[in-house]
Amino acid sequence: MTTNIWDAVLARVAEHVDAADFRRWFGATAYASDSGDQVTVWVPTESIKRHIVSHFNDRIGAALAGLGRGDTHVRFVVTGVSDDEDDEE
């Protein structure tokens, strides 16, 4: 099985984050594409995107650097699909 760069980043981030927090913030992320200098990752909500960027950006950057991709930027794209939306009705 071939892993993509996001799976490799997640494996490294998981080593430094509490398991419950990791599942909460990264469990619903999904690899979208890799253009070499940018990895696109889908996230379900804007709030998850903001939390990941504000709390884990340095850890993600360190993981990328450790994988030899220090110049790669991660772009998070909100998919708009979330189980949380069902709770609001």
N, C-alpha and C. Protein backbone atom coordinates (compact mmCIF):
# COMPACT_ATOMS: atom_id res chain seq x y z
N MET A 1 0.84 -1.19 0.00
CA MET A 1 0.00 0.00 0.00
C MET A 1 0.89 1.25 0.00
N THR A 2 0.60 2.13 -0.90
CA THR A 2 1.36 3.38 -0.99
C THR A 2 0.71 4.43 -0.11
N THR A 3 1.53 5.10 0.69
CA THR A 3 0.99 6.18 1.51
C THR A 3 1.30 7.51 0.83
N ASN A 4 0.41 8.45 1.00
CA ASN A 4 0.63 9.78 0.44
C ASN A 4 1.35 10.64 1.48
N ILE A 5 1.77 11.80 1.06
CA ILE A 5 2.53 12.69 1.95
C ILE A 5 1.73 13.07 3.19
N TRP A 6 0.41 13.26 3.05
CA TRP A 6 -0.39 13.64 4.22
C TRP A 6 -0.41 12.52 5.25
N ASP A 7 -0.52 11.27 4.79
CA ASP A 7 -0.47 10.15 5.73
C ASP A 7 0.87 10.11 6.46
N ALA A 8 1.94 10.40 5.74
CA ALA A 8 3.27 10.42 6.35
C ALA A 8 3.39 11.54 7.38
N VAL A 9 2.83 12.71 7.05
CA VAL A 9 2.81 13.84 7.99
C VAL A 9 2.01 13.47 9.22
N LEU A 10 0.83 12.90 9.02
CA LEU A 10 -0.03 12.53 10.15
C LEU A 10 0.66 11.53 11.07
N ALA A 11 1.38 10.59 10.51
CA ALA A 11 2.10 9.60 11.34
C ALA A 11 3.10 10.30 12.24
N ARG A 12 3.78 11.31 11.72
CA ARG A 12 4.76 12.05 12.53
C ARG A 12 4.08 12.95 13.55
N VAL A 13 3.00 13.61 13.16
CA VAL A 13 2.28 14.49 14.09
C VAL A 13 1.70 13.67 15.24
N ALA A 14 1.17 12.50 14.93
CA ALA A 14 0.54 11.64 15.94
C ALA A 14 1.50 11.26 17.06
N GLU A 15 2.79 11.24 16.77
CA GLU A 15 3.79 10.90 17.78
C GLU A 15 3.89 11.96 18.87
N HIS A 16 3.39 13.16 18.60
CA HIS A 16 3.56 14.29 19.52
C HIS A 16 2.25 14.86 20.04
N VAL A 17 1.13 14.22 19.71
CA VAL A 17 -0.18 14.74 20.09
C VAL A 17 -0.95 13.65 20.82
N ASP A 18 -1.66 14.03 21.87
CA ASP A 18 -2.52 13.10 22.59
C ASP A 18 -3.46 12.40 21.60
N ALA A 19 -3.66 11.10 21.76
CA ALA A 19 -4.44 10.31 20.80
C ALA A 19 -5.85 10.85 20.61
N ALA A 20 -6.51 11.24 21.69
CA ALA A 20 -7.88 11.77 21.57
C ALA A 20 -7.89 13.10 20.81
N ASP A 21 -6.92 13.97 21.11
CA ASP A 21 -6.82 15.24 20.39
C ASP A 21 -6.50 15.00 18.92
N PHE A 22 -5.63 14.06 18.65
CA PHE A 22 -5.28 13.75 17.27
C PHE A 22 -6.52 13.31 16.49
N ARG A 23 -7.29 12.41 17.06
CA ARG A 23 -8.52 11.96 16.38
C ARG A 23 -9.50 13.10 16.20
N ARG A 24 -9.63 13.95 17.21
CA ARG A 24 -10.58 15.06 17.17
C ARG A 24 -10.24 16.02 16.03
N TRP A 25 -8.98 16.38 15.89
CA TRP A 25 -8.60 17.41 14.94
C TRP A 25 -8.17 16.88 13.58
N PHE A 26 -7.61 15.70 13.53
CA PHE A 26 -7.09 15.19 12.26
C PHE A 26 -7.88 14.01 11.70
N GLY A 27 -8.76 13.44 12.49
CA GLY A 27 -9.49 12.25 12.07
C GLY A 27 -10.34 12.43 10.83
N ALA A 28 -10.86 13.61 10.61
CA ALA A 28 -11.73 13.85 9.45
C ALA A 28 -11.01 14.55 8.31
N THR A 29 -9.69 14.71 8.41
CA THR A 29 -8.95 15.31 7.30
C THR A 29 -8.72 14.26 6.23
N ALA A 30 -8.57 14.72 5.00
CA ALA A 30 -8.35 13.78 3.90
C ALA A 30 -7.41 14.39 2.87
N TYR A 31 -6.49 13.60 2.41
CA TYR A 31 -5.55 14.01 1.37
C TYR A 31 -6.32 14.30 0.09
N ALA A 32 -6.01 15.43 -0.55
CA ALA A 32 -6.64 15.77 -1.82
C ALA A 32 -5.64 15.70 -2.97
N SER A 33 -4.49 16.41 -2.82
CA SER A 33 -3.51 16.40 -3.91
C SER A 33 -2.14 16.86 -3.42
N ASP A 34 -1.14 16.60 -4.26
CA ASP A 34 0.23 17.01 -3.96
C ASP A 34 0.85 17.50 -5.26
N SER A 35 1.12 18.82 -5.33
CA SER A 35 1.71 19.39 -6.53
C SER A 35 3.22 19.58 -6.39
N GLY A 36 3.78 19.06 -5.33
CA GLY A 36 5.22 19.20 -5.09
C GLY A 36 5.51 20.26 -4.06
N ASP A 37 5.12 21.50 -4.33
CA ASP A 37 5.35 22.57 -3.36
C ASP A 37 4.12 22.85 -2.51
N GLN A 38 3.00 22.19 -2.82
CA GLN A 38 1.78 22.38 -2.04
C GLN A 38 1.01 21.07 -1.94
N VAL A 39 0.63 20.75 -0.70
CA VAL A 39 -0.22 19.59 -0.44
C VAL A 39 -1.59 20.14 -0.07
N THR A 40 -2.63 19.67 -0.72
CA THR A 40 -3.98 20.10 -0.42
C THR A 40 -4.66 19.03 0.42
N VAL A 41 -5.28 19.48 1.51
CA VAL A 41 -5.94 18.57 2.46
C VAL A 41 -7.36 19.07 2.69
N TRP A 42 -8.32 18.16 2.60
CA TRP A 42 -9.70 18.50 2.89
C TRP A 42 -9.96 18.42 4.38
N VAL A 43 -10.70 19.40 4.90
CA VAL A 43 -11.16 19.40 6.29
C VAL A 43 -12.66 19.67 6.29
N PRO A 44 -13.39 19.15 7.27
CA PRO A 44 -14.84 19.25 7.23
C PRO A 44 -15.42 20.63 7.59
N THR A 45 -14.74 21.38 8.44
CA THR A 45 -15.30 22.67 8.87
C THR A 45 -14.23 23.75 8.96
N GLU A 46 -14.68 24.97 8.90
CA GLU A 46 -13.77 26.11 9.04
C GLU A 46 -13.14 26.13 10.44
N SER A 47 -13.90 25.74 11.46
CA SER A 47 -13.35 25.77 12.82
C SER A 47 -12.23 24.74 12.99
N ILE A 48 -12.37 23.57 12.37
CA ILE A 48 -11.29 22.58 12.44
C ILE A 48 -10.08 23.10 11.69
N LYS A 49 -10.30 23.70 10.54
CA LYS A 49 -9.19 24.29 9.77
C LYS A 49 -8.45 25.32 10.61
N ARG A 50 -9.18 26.24 11.23
CA ARG A 50 -8.55 27.28 12.05
C ARG A 50 -7.77 26.67 13.20
N HIS A 51 -8.32 25.67 13.85
CA HIS A 51 -7.66 25.05 15.00
C HIS A 51 -6.36 24.36 14.56
N ILE A 52 -6.42 23.60 13.48
CA ILE A 52 -5.22 22.92 13.00
C ILE A 52 -4.14 23.93 12.65
N VAL A 53 -4.51 24.97 11.91
CA VAL A 53 -3.53 25.97 11.50
C VAL A 53 -2.94 26.69 12.71
N SER A 54 -3.79 27.07 13.68
CA SER A 54 -3.28 27.85 14.81
C SER A 54 -2.53 27.02 15.84
N HIS A 55 -2.87 25.74 15.98
CA HIS A 55 -2.24 24.92 17.02
C HIS A 55 -1.22 23.90 16.52
N PHE A 56 -1.29 23.53 15.26
CA PHE A 56 -0.44 22.44 14.77
C PHE A 56 0.42 22.82 13.57
N ASN A 57 0.37 24.05 13.13
CA ASN A 57 1.11 24.45 11.93
C ASN A 57 2.61 24.18 12.08
N ASP A 58 3.19 24.51 13.22
CA ASP A 58 4.62 24.27 13.44
C ASP A 58 4.94 22.77 13.42
N ARG A 59 4.07 21.97 14.04
CA ARG A 59 4.29 20.52 14.09
C ARG A 59 4.18 19.93 12.68
N ILE A 60 3.24 20.42 11.88
CA ILE A 60 3.08 19.96 10.49
C ILE A 60 4.32 20.35 9.68
N GLY A 61 4.79 21.57 9.87
CA GLY A 61 6.01 22.02 9.18
C GLY A 61 7.22 21.18 9.54
N ALA A 62 7.34 20.84 10.82
CA ALA A 62 8.46 20.00 11.26
C ALA A 62 8.36 18.60 10.65
N ALA A 63 7.14 18.08 10.57
CA ALA A 63 6.95 16.76 9.96
C ALA A 63 7.34 16.79 8.49
N LEU A 64 6.93 17.83 7.78
CA LEU A 64 7.29 17.96 6.36
C LEU A 64 8.81 18.07 6.20
N ALA A 65 9.44 18.86 7.06
CA ALA A 65 10.90 19.01 6.99
C ALA A 65 11.58 17.67 7.23
N GLY A 66 11.07 16.92 8.18
CA GLY A 66 11.64 15.61 8.48
C GLY A 66 11.47 14.62 7.34
N LEU A 67 10.51 14.88 6.48
CA LEU A 67 10.26 14.03 5.32
C LEU A 67 10.97 14.55 4.07
N GLY A 68 11.81 15.58 4.27
CA GLY A 68 12.52 16.16 3.14
C GLY A 68 11.69 17.09 2.29
N ARG A 69 10.58 17.58 2.87
CA ARG A 69 9.67 18.47 2.14
C ARG A 69 9.49 19.79 2.88
N GLY A 70 10.58 20.33 3.39
CA GLY A 70 10.53 21.55 4.19
C GLY A 70 9.98 22.77 3.48
N ASP A 71 10.05 22.80 2.16
CA ASP A 71 9.53 23.93 1.40
C ASP A 71 8.09 23.73 0.95
N THR A 72 7.47 22.65 1.37
CA THR A 72 6.10 22.35 0.97
C THR A 72 5.11 23.04 1.90
N HIS A 73 4.09 23.62 1.32
CA HIS A 73 3.02 24.30 2.05
C HIS A 73 1.79 23.40 2.05
N VAL A 74 1.08 23.35 3.19
CA VAL A 74 -0.17 22.60 3.26
C VAL A 74 -1.33 23.59 3.16
N ARG A 75 -2.19 23.35 2.21
CA ARG A 75 -3.38 24.17 2.01
C ARG A 75 -4.59 23.36 2.47
N PHE A 76 -5.32 23.88 3.45
CA PHE A 76 -6.50 23.21 3.95
C PHE A 76 -7.74 23.79 3.27
N VAL A 77 -8.56 22.91 2.71
CA VAL A 77 -9.76 23.32 2.00
C VAL A 77 -10.96 22.74 2.74
N VAL A 78 -11.90 23.61 3.10
CA VAL A 78 -13.10 23.18 3.82
C VAL A 78 -14.07 22.54 2.82
N THR A 79 -14.45 21.31 3.11
CA THR A 79 -15.36 20.59 2.22
C THR A 79 -16.81 20.96 2.46
N GLY A 80 -17.11 21.44 3.67
CA GLY A 80 -18.49 21.81 3.97
C GLY A 80 -19.35 20.64 4.39
N VAL A 81 -18.77 19.47 4.53
CA VAL A 81 -19.51 18.29 4.95
C VAL A 81 -19.08 17.93 6.36
N SER A 82 -20.04 17.91 7.27
CA SER A 82 -19.70 17.60 8.66
C SER A 82 -20.87 16.97 9.37
N ASP A 83 -20.58 16.02 10.24
CA ASP A 83 -21.62 15.44 11.08
C ASP A 83 -22.18 16.48 12.03
N ASP A 84 -21.39 17.50 12.37
CA ASP A 84 -21.82 18.55 13.29
C ASP A 84 -23.02 19.30 12.74
N GLU A 85 -23.14 19.41 11.43
CA GLU A 85 -24.25 20.15 10.83
C GLU A 85 -25.59 19.51 11.16
N ASP A 86 -25.60 18.19 11.31
CA ASP A 86 -26.84 17.50 11.66
C ASP A 86 -27.31 17.89 13.05
N ASP A 87 -26.37 18.22 13.92
CA ASP A 87 -26.72 18.59 15.29
C ASP A 87 -27.41 19.94 15.37
N GLU A 88 -27.25 20.78 14.37
CA GLU A 88 -27.77 22.13 14.42
C GLU A 88 -29.25 22.20 14.04
N GLU A 89 -29.79 21.15 13.47
CA GLU A 89 -31.19 21.19 13.02
C GLU A 89 -32.15 21.03 14.17
